Amino acid sequence: MAFVGDLDPFAEANAEDSGAGSKDYVHIRTQQRNGRKSLTTVQGLKKEFSYNKILKDLKKEFCCNGTVVQDPELGQVIQLQGDQRKNVSTFLVQAGIVKKDHIKIHGF
């Protein structure tokens, strides 16, 4: 079927991976679990940042649980419980970790 790619939530990011500038973006996505539960994933942060310290601050700020997952293709990915897309994007900008125009929020 030709329209299967339209349903893929990662199709936009996969198409950009071939370009040279796609590594500059931080991708914030939400993944549906079961029922009303969801996960927020943050991918593409620079390697010199301490993912565990960022995760600790995010968990404390938003009163949720989370973890850092090592993915073979994507590298380290931060996972948080709940839909925290807007919260994470404003936190990363205010902390000076990422500029606002380097953040891509998926799933709206």
PDB file of N, CA and C in Angstrom:
ATOM      1  N   MET A   1       0.831  -1.172   0.000  1.00  0.00           N
ATOM      2  CA  MET A   1       0.000   0.000   0.000  1.00  0.00           C
ATOM      3  C   MET A   1       0.881   1.242   0.000  1.00  0.00           C
ATOM      4  N   ALA A   2       0.469   2.254  -0.707  1.00  0.00           N
ATOM      5  CA  ALA A   2       1.265   3.466  -0.849  1.00  0.00           C
ATOM      6  C   ALA A   2       1.145   4.390   0.352  1.00  0.00           C
ATOM      7  N   PHE A   3       0.072   4.305   1.115  1.00  0.00           N
ATOM      8  CA  PHE A   3      -0.150   5.242   2.203  1.00  0.00           C
ATOM      9  C   PHE A   3       0.337   4.743   3.552  1.00  0.00           C
ATOM     10  N   VAL A   4       1.062   3.643   3.600  1.00  0.00           N
ATOM     11  CA  VAL A   4       1.538   3.103   4.869  1.00  0.00           C
ATOM     12  C   VAL A   4       2.545   4.058   5.511  1.00  0.00           C
ATOM     13  N   GLY A   5       3.400   4.706   4.712  1.00  0.00           N
ATOM     14  CA  GLY A   5       4.386   5.642   5.250  1.00  0.00           C
ATOM     15  C   GLY A   5       3.755   6.833   5.934  1.00  0.00           C
ATOM     16  N   ASP A   6       2.526   7.192   5.559  1.00  0.00           N
ATOM     17  CA  ASP A   6       1.842   8.318   6.186  1.00  0.00           C
ATOM     18  C   ASP A   6       1.487   8.025   7.640  1.00  0.00           C
ATOM     19  N   LEU A   7       1.319   6.751   7.979  1.00  0.00           N
ATOM     20  CA  LEU A   7       0.945   6.384   9.335  1.00  0.00           C
ATOM     21  C   LEU A   7       2.147   6.194  10.250  1.00  0.00           C
ATOM     22  N   ASP A   8       3.341   6.185   9.695  1.00  0.00           N
ATOM     23  CA  ASP A   8       4.548   5.956  10.464  1.00  0.00           C
ATOM     24  C   ASP A   8       4.930   7.235  11.219  1.00  0.00           C
ATOM     25  N   PRO A   9       4.927   7.237  12.580  1.00  0.00           N
ATOM     26  CA  PRO A   9       5.260   8.460  13.308  1.00  0.00           C
ATOM     27  C   PRO A   9       6.724   8.862  13.162  1.00  0.00           C
ATOM     28  N   PHE A  10       7.577   7.923  12.743  1.00  0.00           N
ATOM     29  CA  PHE A  10       8.992   8.230  12.605  1.00  0.00           C
ATOM     30  C   PHE A  10       9.389   8.473  11.152  1.00  0.00           C
ATOM     31  N   ALA A  11       8.423   8.511  10.231  1.00  0.00           N
ATOM     32  CA  ALA A  11       8.737   8.667   8.812  1.00  0.00           C
ATOM     33  C   ALA A  11       9.446   9.982   8.545  1.00  0.00           C
ATOM     34  N   GLU A  12       9.019  11.047   9.218  1.00  0.00           N
ATOM     35  CA  GLU A  12       9.625  12.358   9.008  1.00  0.00           C
ATOM     36  C   GLU A  12      11.085  12.356   9.448  1.00  0.00           C
ATOM     37  N   ALA A  13      11.373  11.765  10.597  1.00  0.00           N
ATOM     38  CA  ALA A  13      12.741  11.726  11.104  1.00  0.00           C
ATOM     39  C   ALA A  13      13.610  10.806  10.254  1.00  0.00           C
ATOM     40  N   ASN A  14      13.064   9.682   9.791  1.00  0.00           N
ATOM     41  CA  ASN A  14      13.842   8.763   8.978  1.00  0.00           C
ATOM     42  C   ASN A  14      14.204   9.385   7.641  1.00  0.00           C
ATOM     43  N   ALA A  15      13.321  10.198   7.076  1.00  0.00           N
ATOM     44  CA  ALA A  15      13.616  10.860   5.809  1.00  0.00           C
ATOM     45  C   ALA A  15      14.705  11.903   5.991  1.00  0.00           C
ATOM     46  N   GLU A  16      14.772  12.529   7.166  1.00  0.00           N
ATOM     47  CA  GLU A  16      15.763  13.562   7.415  1.00  0.00           C
ATOM     48  C   GLU A  16      17.131  12.984   7.766  1.00  0.00           C
ATOM     49  N   ASP A  17      17.183  11.718   8.140  1.00  0.00           N
ATOM     50  CA  ASP A  17      18.455  11.133   8.544  1.00  0.00           C
ATOM     51  C   ASP A  17      19.469  11.112   7.407  1.00  0.00           C
ATOM     52  N   SER A  18      18.997  11.120   6.169  1.00  0.00           N
ATOM     53  CA  SER A  18      19.916  11.097   5.044  1.00  0.00           C
ATOM     54  C   SER A  18      20.605  12.440   4.862  1.00  0.00           C
ATOM     55  N   GLY A  19      20.012  13.533   5.361  1.00  0.00           N
ATOM     56  CA  GLY A  19      20.611  14.852   5.227  1.00  0.00           C
ATOM     57  C   GLY A  19      21.700  15.072   6.253  1.00  0.00           C
ATOM     58  N   ALA A  20      22.604  16.028   5.965  1.00  0.00           N
ATOM     59  CA  ALA A  20      23.724  16.271   6.863  1.00  0.00           C
ATOM     60  C   ALA A  20      23.296  17.062   8.096  1.00  0.00           C
ATOM     61  N   GLY A  21      22.252  17.899   8.004  1.00  0.00           N
ATOM     62  CA  GLY A  21      21.869  18.754   9.112  1.00  0.00           C
ATOM     63  C   GLY A  21      20.925  18.108  10.100  1.00  0.00           C
ATOM     64  N   SER A  22      20.520  16.872   9.899  1.00  0.00           N
ATOM     65  CA  SER A  22      19.519  16.257  10.763  1.00  0.00           C
ATOM     66  C   SER A  22      20.085  15.915  12.135  1.00  0.00           C
ATOM     67  N   LYS A  23      21.382  15.811  12.278  1.00  0.00           N
ATOM     68  CA  LYS A  23      21.982  15.457  13.559  1.00  0.00           C
ATOM     69  C   LYS A  23      21.898  16.612  14.546  1.00  0.00           C
ATOM     70  N   ASP A  24      21.597  17.840  14.082  1.00  0.00           N
ATOM     71  CA  ASP A  24      21.544  18.991  14.962  1.00  0.00           C
ATOM     72  C   ASP A  24      20.242  19.058  15.743  1.00  0.00           C
ATOM     73  N   TYR A  25      19.226  18.327  15.331  1.00  0.00           N
ATOM     74  CA  TYR A  25      17.923  18.436  15.953  1.00  0.00           C
ATOM     75  C   TYR A  25      17.783  17.496  17.138  1.00  0.00           C
ATOM     76  N   VAL A  26      17.004  17.951  18.134  1.00  0.00           N
ATOM     77  CA  VAL A  26      16.599  17.118  19.254  1.00  0.00           C
ATOM     78  C   VAL A  26      15.148  16.751  18.999  1.00  0.00           C
ATOM     79  N   HIS A  27      14.855  15.456  18.920  1.00  0.00           N
ATOM     80  CA  HIS A  27      13.511  14.974  18.611  1.00  0.00           C
ATOM     81  C   HIS A  27      12.814  14.569  19.899  1.00  0.00           C
ATOM     82  N   ILE A  28      11.628  15.138  20.115  1.00  0.00           N
ATOM     83  CA  ILE A  28      10.819  14.813  21.287  1.00  0.00           C
ATOM     84  C   ILE A  28       9.542  14.172  20.779  1.00  0.00           C
ATOM     85  N   ARG A  29       9.305  12.923  21.184  1.00  0.00           N
ATOM     86  CA  ARG A  29       8.148  12.158  20.697  1.00  0.00           C
ATOM     87  C   ARG A  29       7.371  11.591  21.870  1.00  0.00           C
ATOM     88  N   THR A  30       6.158  11.183  21.565  1.00  0.00           N
ATOM     89  CA  THR A  30       5.365  10.451  22.543  1.00  0.00           C
ATOM     90  C   THR A  30       5.016   9.094  21.939  1.00  0.00           C
ATOM     91  N   GLN A  31       5.016   8.070  22.779  1.00  0.00           N
ATOM     92  CA  GLN A  31       4.653   6.725  22.345  1.00  0.00           C
ATOM     93  C   GLN A  31       3.530   6.233  23.231  1.00  0.00           C
ATOM     94  N   GLN A  32       2.482   5.737  22.608  1.00  0.00           N
ATOM     95  CA  GLN A  32       1.341   5.216  23.366  1.00  0.00           C
ATOM     96  C   GLN A  32       1.691   3.852  23.940  1.00  0.00           C
ATOM     97  N   ARG A  33       1.404   3.673  25.213  1.00  0.00           N
ATOM     98  CA  ARG A  33       1.564   2.359  25.836  1.00  0.00           C
ATOM     99  C   ARG A  33       0.212   1.684  25.839  1.00  0.00           C
ATOM    100  N   ASN A  34      -0.278   1.281  26.984  1.00  0.00           N
ATOM    101  CA  ASN A  34      -1.579   0.619  27.043  1.00  0.00           C
ATOM    102  C   ASN A  34      -2.579   1.538  27.739  1.00  0.00           C
ATOM    103  N   GLY A  35      -3.767   1.658  27.150  1.00  0.00           N
ATOM    104  CA  GLY A  35      -4.792   2.518  27.722  1.00  0.00           C
ATOM    105  C   GLY A  35      -4.420   3.986  27.593  1.00  0.00           C
ATOM    106  N   ARG A  36      -4.426   4.681  28.725  1.00  0.00           N
ATOM    107  CA  ARG A  36      -4.107   6.106  28.725  1.00  0.00           C
ATOM    108  C   ARG A  36      -2.632   6.366  28.979  1.00  0.00           C
ATOM    109  N   LYS A  37      -1.852   5.345  29.182  1.00  0.00           N
ATOM    110  CA  LYS A  37      -0.438   5.502  29.517  1.00  0.00           C
ATOM    111  C   LYS A  37       0.381   5.846  28.271  1.00  0.00           C
ATOM    112  N   SER A  38       1.403   6.670  28.449  1.00  0.00           N
ATOM    113  CA  SER A  38       2.263   7.019  27.315  1.00  0.00           C
ATOM    114  C   SER A  38       3.679   7.281  27.822  1.00  0.00           C
ATOM    115  N   LEU A  39       4.614   7.283  26.874  1.00  0.00           N
ATOM    116  CA  LEU A  39       6.020   7.569  27.138  1.00  0.00           C
ATOM    117  C   LEU A  39       6.432   8.774  26.306  1.00  0.00           C
ATOM    118  N   THR A  40       7.307   9.594  26.841  1.00  0.00           N
ATOM    119  CA  THR A  40       7.916  10.675  26.079  1.00  0.00           C
ATOM    120  C   THR A  40       9.382  10.329  25.893  1.00  0.00           C
ATOM    121  N   THR A  41       9.868  10.382  24.650  1.00  0.00           N
ATOM    122  CA  THR A  41      11.261  10.079  24.375  1.00  0.00           C
ATOM    123  C   THR A  41      11.964  11.323  23.859  1.00  0.00           C
ATOM    124  N   VAL A  42      13.204  11.508  24.325  1.00  0.00           N
ATOM    125  CA  VAL A  42      14.048  12.621  23.907  1.00  0.00           C
ATOM    126  C   VAL A  42      15.295  12.020  23.279  1.00  0.00           C
ATOM    127  N   GLN A  43      15.530  12.364  22.016  1.00  0.00           N
ATOM    128  CA  GLN A  43      16.635  11.767  21.272  1.00  0.00           C
ATOM    129  C   GLN A  43      17.381  12.872  20.541  1.00  0.00           C
ATOM    130  N   GLY A  44      18.692  12.736  20.443  1.00  0.00           N
ATOM    131  CA  GLY A  44      19.487  13.658  19.651  1.00  0.00           C
ATOM    132  C   GLY A  44      20.249  14.687  20.452  1.00  0.00           C
ATOM    133  N   LEU A  45      20.299  14.560  21.783  1.00  0.00           N
ATOM    134  CA  LEU A  45      21.109  15.482  22.566  1.00  0.00           C
ATOM    135  C   LEU A  45      22.585  15.229  22.277  1.00  0.00           C
ATOM    136  N   LYS A  46      23.400  16.246  22.439  1.00  0.00           N
ATOM    137  CA  LYS A  46      24.833  16.094  22.171  1.00  0.00           C
ATOM    138  C   LYS A  46      25.450  15.118  23.162  1.00  0.00           C
ATOM    139  N   LYS A  47      26.478  14.424  22.736  1.00  0.00           N
ATOM    140  CA  LYS A  47      27.069  13.366  23.544  1.00  0.00           C
ATOM    141  C   LYS A  47      27.831  13.903  24.756  1.00  0.00           C
ATOM    142  N   GLU A  48      28.246  15.172  24.722  1.00  0.00           N
ATOM    143  CA  GLU A  48      29.021  15.691  25.858  1.00  0.00           C
ATOM    144  C   GLU A  48      28.160  15.989  27.082  1.00  0.00           C
ATOM    145  N   PHE A  49      26.833  15.992  26.918  1.00  0.00           N
ATOM    146  CA  PHE A  49      25.951  16.204  28.055  1.00  0.00           C
ATOM    147  C   PHE A  49      25.825  14.918  28.869  1.00  0.00           C
ATOM    148  N   SER A  50      25.665  15.085  30.170  1.00  0.00           N
ATOM    149  CA  SER A  50      25.423  13.935  31.040  1.00  0.00           C
ATOM    150  C   SER A  50      23.930  13.635  31.019  1.00  0.00           C
ATOM    151  N   TYR A  51      23.565  12.567  30.352  1.00  0.00           N
ATOM    152  CA  TYR A  51      22.163  12.196  30.208  1.00  0.00           C
ATOM    153  C   TYR A  51      21.532  11.913  31.572  1.00  0.00           C
ATOM    154  N   ASN A  52      22.292  11.314  32.467  1.00  0.00           N
ATOM    155  CA  ASN A  52      21.736  10.962  33.775  1.00  0.00           C
ATOM    156  C   ASN A  52      21.423  12.204  34.604  1.00  0.00           C
ATOM    157  N   LYS A  53      22.246  13.250  34.491  1.00  0.00           N
ATOM    158  CA  LYS A  53      21.974  14.482  35.232  1.00  0.00           C
ATOM    159  C   LYS A  53      20.759  15.203  34.655  1.00  0.00           C
ATOM    160  N   ILE A  54      20.649  15.231  33.328  1.00  0.00           N
ATOM    161  CA  ILE A  54      19.479  15.840  32.694  1.00  0.00           C
ATOM    162  C   ILE A  54      18.223  15.081  33.102  1.00  0.00           C
ATOM    163  N   LEU A  55      18.301  13.746  33.081  1.00  0.00           N
ATOM    164  CA  LEU A  55      17.156  12.917  33.470  1.00  0.00           C
ATOM    165  C   LEU A  55      16.753  13.182  34.918  1.00  0.00           C
ATOM    166  N   LYS A  56      17.735  13.303  35.790  1.00  0.00           N
ATOM    167  CA  LYS A  56      17.447  13.554  37.205  1.00  0.00           C
ATOM    168  C   LYS A  56      16.701  14.877  37.376  1.00  0.00           C
ATOM    169  N   ASP A  57      17.151  15.919  36.659  1.00  0.00           N
ATOM    170  CA  ASP A  57      16.482  17.218  36.747  1.00  0.00           C
ATOM    171  C   ASP A  57      15.077  17.170  36.154  1.00  0.00           C
ATOM    172  N   LEU A  58      14.914  16.456  35.033  1.00  0.00           N
ATOM    173  CA  LEU A  58      13.596  16.339  34.412  1.00  0.00           C
ATOM    174  C   LEU A  58      12.619  15.612  35.346  1.00  0.00           C
ATOM    175  N   LYS A  59      13.081  14.530  35.951  1.00  0.00           N
ATOM    176  CA  LYS A  59      12.220  13.755  36.851  1.00  0.00           C
ATOM    177  C   LYS A  59      11.799  14.588  38.050  1.00  0.00           C
ATOM    178  N   LYS A  60      12.734  15.370  38.577  1.00  0.00           N
ATOM    179  CA  LYS A  60      12.426  16.185  39.740  1.00  0.00           C
ATOM    180  C   LYS A  60      11.484  17.333  39.375  1.00  0.00           C
ATOM    181  N   GLU A  61      11.704  17.926  38.208  1.00  0.00           N
ATOM    182  CA  GLU A  61      10.901  19.068  37.769  1.00  0.00           C
ATOM    183  C   GLU A  61       9.448  18.686  37.481  1.00  0.00           C
ATOM    184  N   PHE A  62       9.239  17.550  36.808  1.00  0.00           N
ATOM    185  CA  PHE A  62       7.899  17.187  36.337  1.00  0.00           C
ATOM    186  C   PHE A  62       7.242  16.089  37.173  1.00  0.00           C
ATOM    187  N   CYS A  63       7.868  15.662  38.257  1.00  0.00           N
ATOM    188  CA  CYS A  63       7.308  14.643  39.156  1.00  0.00           C
ATOM    189  C   CYS A  63       6.891  13.387  38.387  1.00  0.00           C
ATOM    190  N   CYS A  64       7.803  12.866  37.590  1.00  0.00           N
ATOM    191  CA  CYS A  64       7.524  11.636  36.849  1.00  0.00           C
ATOM    192  C   CYS A  64       8.765  10.751  36.913  1.00  0.00           C
ATOM    193  N   ASN A  65       8.613   9.526  36.482  1.00  0.00           N
ATOM    194  CA  ASN A  65       9.735   8.605  36.464  1.00  0.00           C
ATOM    195  C   ASN A  65      10.310   8.551  35.054  1.00  0.00           C
ATOM    196  N   GLY A  66      11.544   8.057  34.930  1.00  0.00           N
ATOM    197  CA  GLY A  66      12.163   7.974  33.618  1.00  0.00           C
ATOM    198  C   GLY A  66      13.431   7.159  33.663  1.00  0.00           C
ATOM    199  N   THR A  67      14.006   6.954  32.479  1.00  0.00           N
ATOM    200  CA  THR A  67      15.229   6.161  32.366  1.00  0.00           C
ATOM    201  C   THR A  67      15.987   6.586  31.114  1.00  0.00           C
ATOM    202  N   VAL A  68      17.261   6.203  31.058  1.00  0.00           N
ATOM    203  CA  VAL A  68      18.074   6.405  29.864  1.00  0.00           C
ATOM    204  C   VAL A  68      18.264   5.034  29.227  1.00  0.00           C
ATOM    205  N   VAL A  69      17.878   4.917  27.945  1.00  0.00           N
ATOM    206  CA  VAL A  69      17.945   3.651  27.226  1.00  0.00           C
ATOM    207  C   VAL A  69      19.018   3.758  26.152  1.00  0.00           C
ATOM    208  N   GLN A  70      19.841   2.723  26.028  1.00  0.00           N
ATOM    209  CA  GLN A  70      20.863   2.683  24.979  1.00  0.00           C
ATOM    210  C   GLN A  70      20.289   1.959  23.771  1.00  0.00           C
ATOM    211  N   ASP A  71      20.135   2.680  22.658  1.00  0.00           N
ATOM    212  CA  ASP A  71      19.600   2.104  21.430  1.00  0.00           C
ATOM    213  C   ASP A  71      20.749   1.926  20.446  1.00  0.00           C
ATOM    214  N   PRO A  72      20.822   0.786  19.729  1.00  0.00           N
ATOM    215  CA  PRO A  72      21.945   0.575  18.806  1.00  0.00           C
ATOM    216  C   PRO A  72      21.981   1.577  17.647  1.00  0.00           C
ATOM    217  N   GLU A  73      20.825   2.021  17.161  1.00  0.00           N
ATOM    218  CA  GLU A  73      20.804   2.959  16.042  1.00  0.00           C
ATOM    219  C   GLU A  73      20.806   4.414  16.497  1.00  0.00           C
ATOM    220  N   LEU A  74      20.039   4.723  17.538  1.00  0.00           N
ATOM    221  CA  LEU A  74      19.815   6.114  17.934  1.00  0.00           C
ATOM    222  C   LEU A  74      20.750   6.597  19.028  1.00  0.00           C
ATOM    223  N   GLY A  75      21.515   5.709  19.637  1.00  0.00           N
ATOM    224  CA  GLY A  75      22.364   6.104  20.750  1.00  0.00           C
ATOM    225  C   GLY A  75      21.563   6.124  22.035  1.00  0.00           C
ATOM    226  N   GLN A  76      21.867   7.079  22.904  1.00  0.00           N
ATOM    227  CA  GLN A  76      21.165   7.161  24.170  1.00  0.00           C
ATOM    228  C   GLN A  76      19.869   7.946  23.985  1.00  0.00           C
ATOM    229  N   VAL A  77      18.795   7.421  24.558  1.00  0.00           N
ATOM    230  CA  VAL A  77      17.477   8.035  24.473  1.00  0.00           C
ATOM    231  C   VAL A  77      16.922   8.158  25.881  1.00  0.00           C
ATOM    232  N   ILE A  78      16.405   9.344  26.222  1.00  0.00           N
ATOM    233  CA  ILE A  78      15.774   9.565  27.515  1.00  0.00           C
ATOM    234  C   ILE A  78      14.295   9.234  27.389  1.00  0.00           C
ATOM    235  N   GLN A  79      13.778   8.420  28.287  1.00  0.00           N
ATOM    236  CA  GLN A  79      12.356   8.085  28.306  1.00  0.00           C
ATOM    237  C   GLN A  79      11.745   8.597  29.606  1.00  0.00           C
ATOM    238  N   LEU A  80      10.605   9.281  29.482  1.00  0.00           N
ATOM    239  CA  LEU A  80       9.879   9.786  30.642  1.00  0.00           C
ATOM    240  C   LEU A  80       8.455   9.268  30.615  1.00  0.00           C
ATOM    241  N   GLN A  81       7.864   9.078  31.789  1.00  0.00           N
ATOM    242  CA  GLN A  81       6.483   8.640  31.858  1.00  0.00           C
ATOM    243  C   GLN A  81       5.558   9.809  31.568  1.00  0.00           C
ATOM    244  N   GLY A  82       4.502   9.530  30.819  1.00  0.00           N
ATOM    245  CA  GLY A  82       3.501  10.546  30.530  1.00  0.00           C
ATOM    246  C   GLY A  82       3.844  11.363  29.294  1.00  0.00           C
ATOM    247  N   ASP A  83       2.924  12.233  28.912  1.00  0.00           N
ATOM    248  CA  ASP A  83       3.116  13.106  27.752  1.00  0.00           C
ATOM    249  C   ASP A  83       3.748  14.403  28.245  1.00  0.00           C
ATOM    250  N   GLN A  84       5.057  14.501  28.161  1.00  0.00           N
ATOM    251  CA  GLN A  84       5.813  15.635  28.685  1.00  0.00           C
ATOM    252  C   GLN A  84       6.465  16.445  27.563  1.00  0.00           C
ATOM    253  N   ARG A  85       5.940  16.391  26.338  1.00  0.00           N
ATOM    254  CA  ARG A  85       6.612  17.012  25.192  1.00  0.00           C
ATOM    255  C   ARG A  85       6.840  18.508  25.382  1.00  0.00           C
ATOM    256  N   LYS A  86       5.787  19.246  25.717  1.00  0.00           N
ATOM    257  CA  LYS A  86       5.934  20.706  25.875  1.00  0.00           C
ATOM    258  C   LYS A  86       6.813  21.037  27.069  1.00  0.00           C
ATOM    259  N   ASN A  87       6.642  20.305  28.166  1.00  0.00           N
ATOM    260  CA  ASN A  87       7.448  20.550  29.355  1.00  0.00           C
ATOM    261  C   ASN A  87       8.935  20.347  29.079  1.00  0.00           C
ATOM    262  N   VAL A  88       9.270  19.257  28.388  1.00  0.00           N
ATOM    263  CA  VAL A  88      10.672  18.948  28.110  1.00  0.00           C
ATOM    264  C   VAL A  88      11.267  20.002  27.186  1.00  0.00           C
ATOM    265  N   SER A  89      10.522  20.430  26.170  1.00  0.00           N
ATOM    266  CA  SER A  89      11.065  21.414  25.231  1.00  0.00           C
ATOM    267  C   SER A  89      11.343  22.737  25.935  1.00  0.00           C
ATOM    268  N   THR A  90      10.425  23.208  26.775  1.00  0.00           N
ATOM    269  CA  THR A  90      10.671  24.465  27.487  1.00  0.00           C
ATOM    270  C   THR A  90      11.812  24.302  28.493  1.00  0.00           C
ATOM    271  N   PHE A  91      11.917  23.139  29.128  1.00  0.00           N
ATOM    272  CA  PHE A  91      13.005  22.906  30.084  1.00  0.00           C
ATOM    273  C   PHE A  91      14.365  22.957  29.382  1.00  0.00           C
ATOM    274  N   LEU A  92      14.482  22.288  28.231  1.00  0.00           N
ATOM    275  CA  LEU A  92      15.763  22.256  27.524  1.00  0.00           C
ATOM    276  C   LEU A  92      16.169  23.638  27.036  1.00  0.00           C
ATOM    277  N   VAL A  93      15.203  24.462  26.639  1.00  0.00           N
ATOM    278  CA  VAL A  93      15.514  25.817  26.176  1.00  0.00           C
ATOM    279  C   VAL A  93      15.921  26.692  27.353  1.00  0.00           C
ATOM    280  N   GLN A  94      15.177  26.618  28.462  1.00  0.00           N
ATOM    281  CA  GLN A  94      15.474  27.460  29.622  1.00  0.00           C
ATOM    282  C   GLN A  94      16.791  27.078  30.279  1.00  0.00           C
ATOM    283  N   ALA A  95      17.152  25.804  30.221  1.00  0.00           N
ATOM    284  CA  ALA A  95      18.410  25.358  30.809  1.00  0.00           C
ATOM    285  C   ALA A  95      19.600  25.688  29.903  1.00  0.00           C
ATOM    286  N   GLY A  96      19.334  26.098  28.674  1.00  0.00           N
ATOM    287  CA  GLY A  96      20.415  26.443  27.750  1.00  0.00           C
ATOM    288  C   GLY A  96      21.063  25.236  27.115  1.00  0.00           C
ATOM    289  N   ILE A  97      20.411  24.100  27.141  1.00  0.00           N
ATOM    290  CA  ILE A  97      20.969  22.879  26.558  1.00  0.00           C
ATOM    291  C   ILE A  97      20.808  22.891  25.044  1.00  0.00           C
ATOM    292  N   VAL A  98      19.631  23.331  24.576  1.00  0.00           N
ATOM    293  CA  VAL A  98      19.317  23.335  23.145  1.00  0.00           C
ATOM    294  C   VAL A  98      18.623  24.654  22.820  1.00  0.00           C
ATOM    295  N   LYS A  99      18.865  25.169  21.609  1.00  0.00           N
ATOM    296  CA  LYS A  99      18.139  26.352  21.152  1.00  0.00           C
ATOM    297  C   LYS A  99      16.751  25.937  20.686  1.00  0.00           C
ATOM    298  N   LYS A 100      15.815  26.895  20.739  1.00  0.00           N
ATOM    299  CA  LYS A 100      14.419  26.589  20.428  1.00  0.00           C
ATOM    300  C   LYS A 100      14.240  26.115  18.994  1.00  0.00           C
ATOM    301  N   ASP A 101      15.017  26.643  18.049  1.00  0.00           N
ATOM    302  CA  ASP A 101      14.843  26.250  16.649  1.00  0.00           C
ATOM    303  C   ASP A 101      15.521  24.925  16.319  1.00  0.00           C
ATOM    304  N   HIS A 102      16.190  24.296  17.301  1.00  0.00           N
ATOM    305  CA  HIS A 102      16.823  22.993  17.083  1.00  0.00           C
ATOM    306  C   HIS A 102      16.003  21.857  17.710  1.00  0.00           C
ATOM    307  N   ILE A 103      14.781  22.153  18.143  1.00  0.00           N
ATOM    308  CA  ILE A 103      13.922  21.144  18.757  1.00  0.00           C
ATOM    309  C   ILE A 103      12.789  20.814  17.790  1.00  0.00           C
ATOM    310  N   LYS A 104      12.555  19.527  17.564  1.00  0.00           N
ATOM    311  CA  LYS A 104      11.411  19.068  16.770  1.00  0.00           C
ATOM    312  C   LYS A 104      10.504  18.253  17.680  1.00  0.00           C
ATOM    313  N   ILE A 105       9.265  18.739  17.842  1.00  0.00           N
ATOM    314  CA  ILE A 105       8.277  18.015  18.646  1.00  0.00           C
ATOM    315  C   ILE A 105       7.369  17.264  17.685  1.00  0.00           C
ATOM    316  N   HIS A 106       7.305  15.964  17.836  1.00  0.00           N
ATOM    317  CA  HIS A 106       6.505  15.111  16.947  1.00  0.00           C
ATOM    318  C   HIS A 106       5.200  14.736  17.635  1.00  0.00           C
ATOM    319  N   GLY A 107       4.163  14.514  16.816  1.00  0.00           N
ATOM    320  CA  GLY A 107       2.926  13.965  17.328  1.00  0.00           C
ATOM    321  C   GLY A 107       1.811  14.943  17.554  1.00  0.00           C
ATOM    322  N   PHE A 108       1.920  16.169  17.033  1.00  0.00           N
ATOM    323  CA  PHE A 108       0.825  17.129  17.200  1.00  0.00           C
ATOM    324  C   PHE A 108      -0.113  17.071  16.026  1.00  0.00           C
TER     325      PHE A 108
END
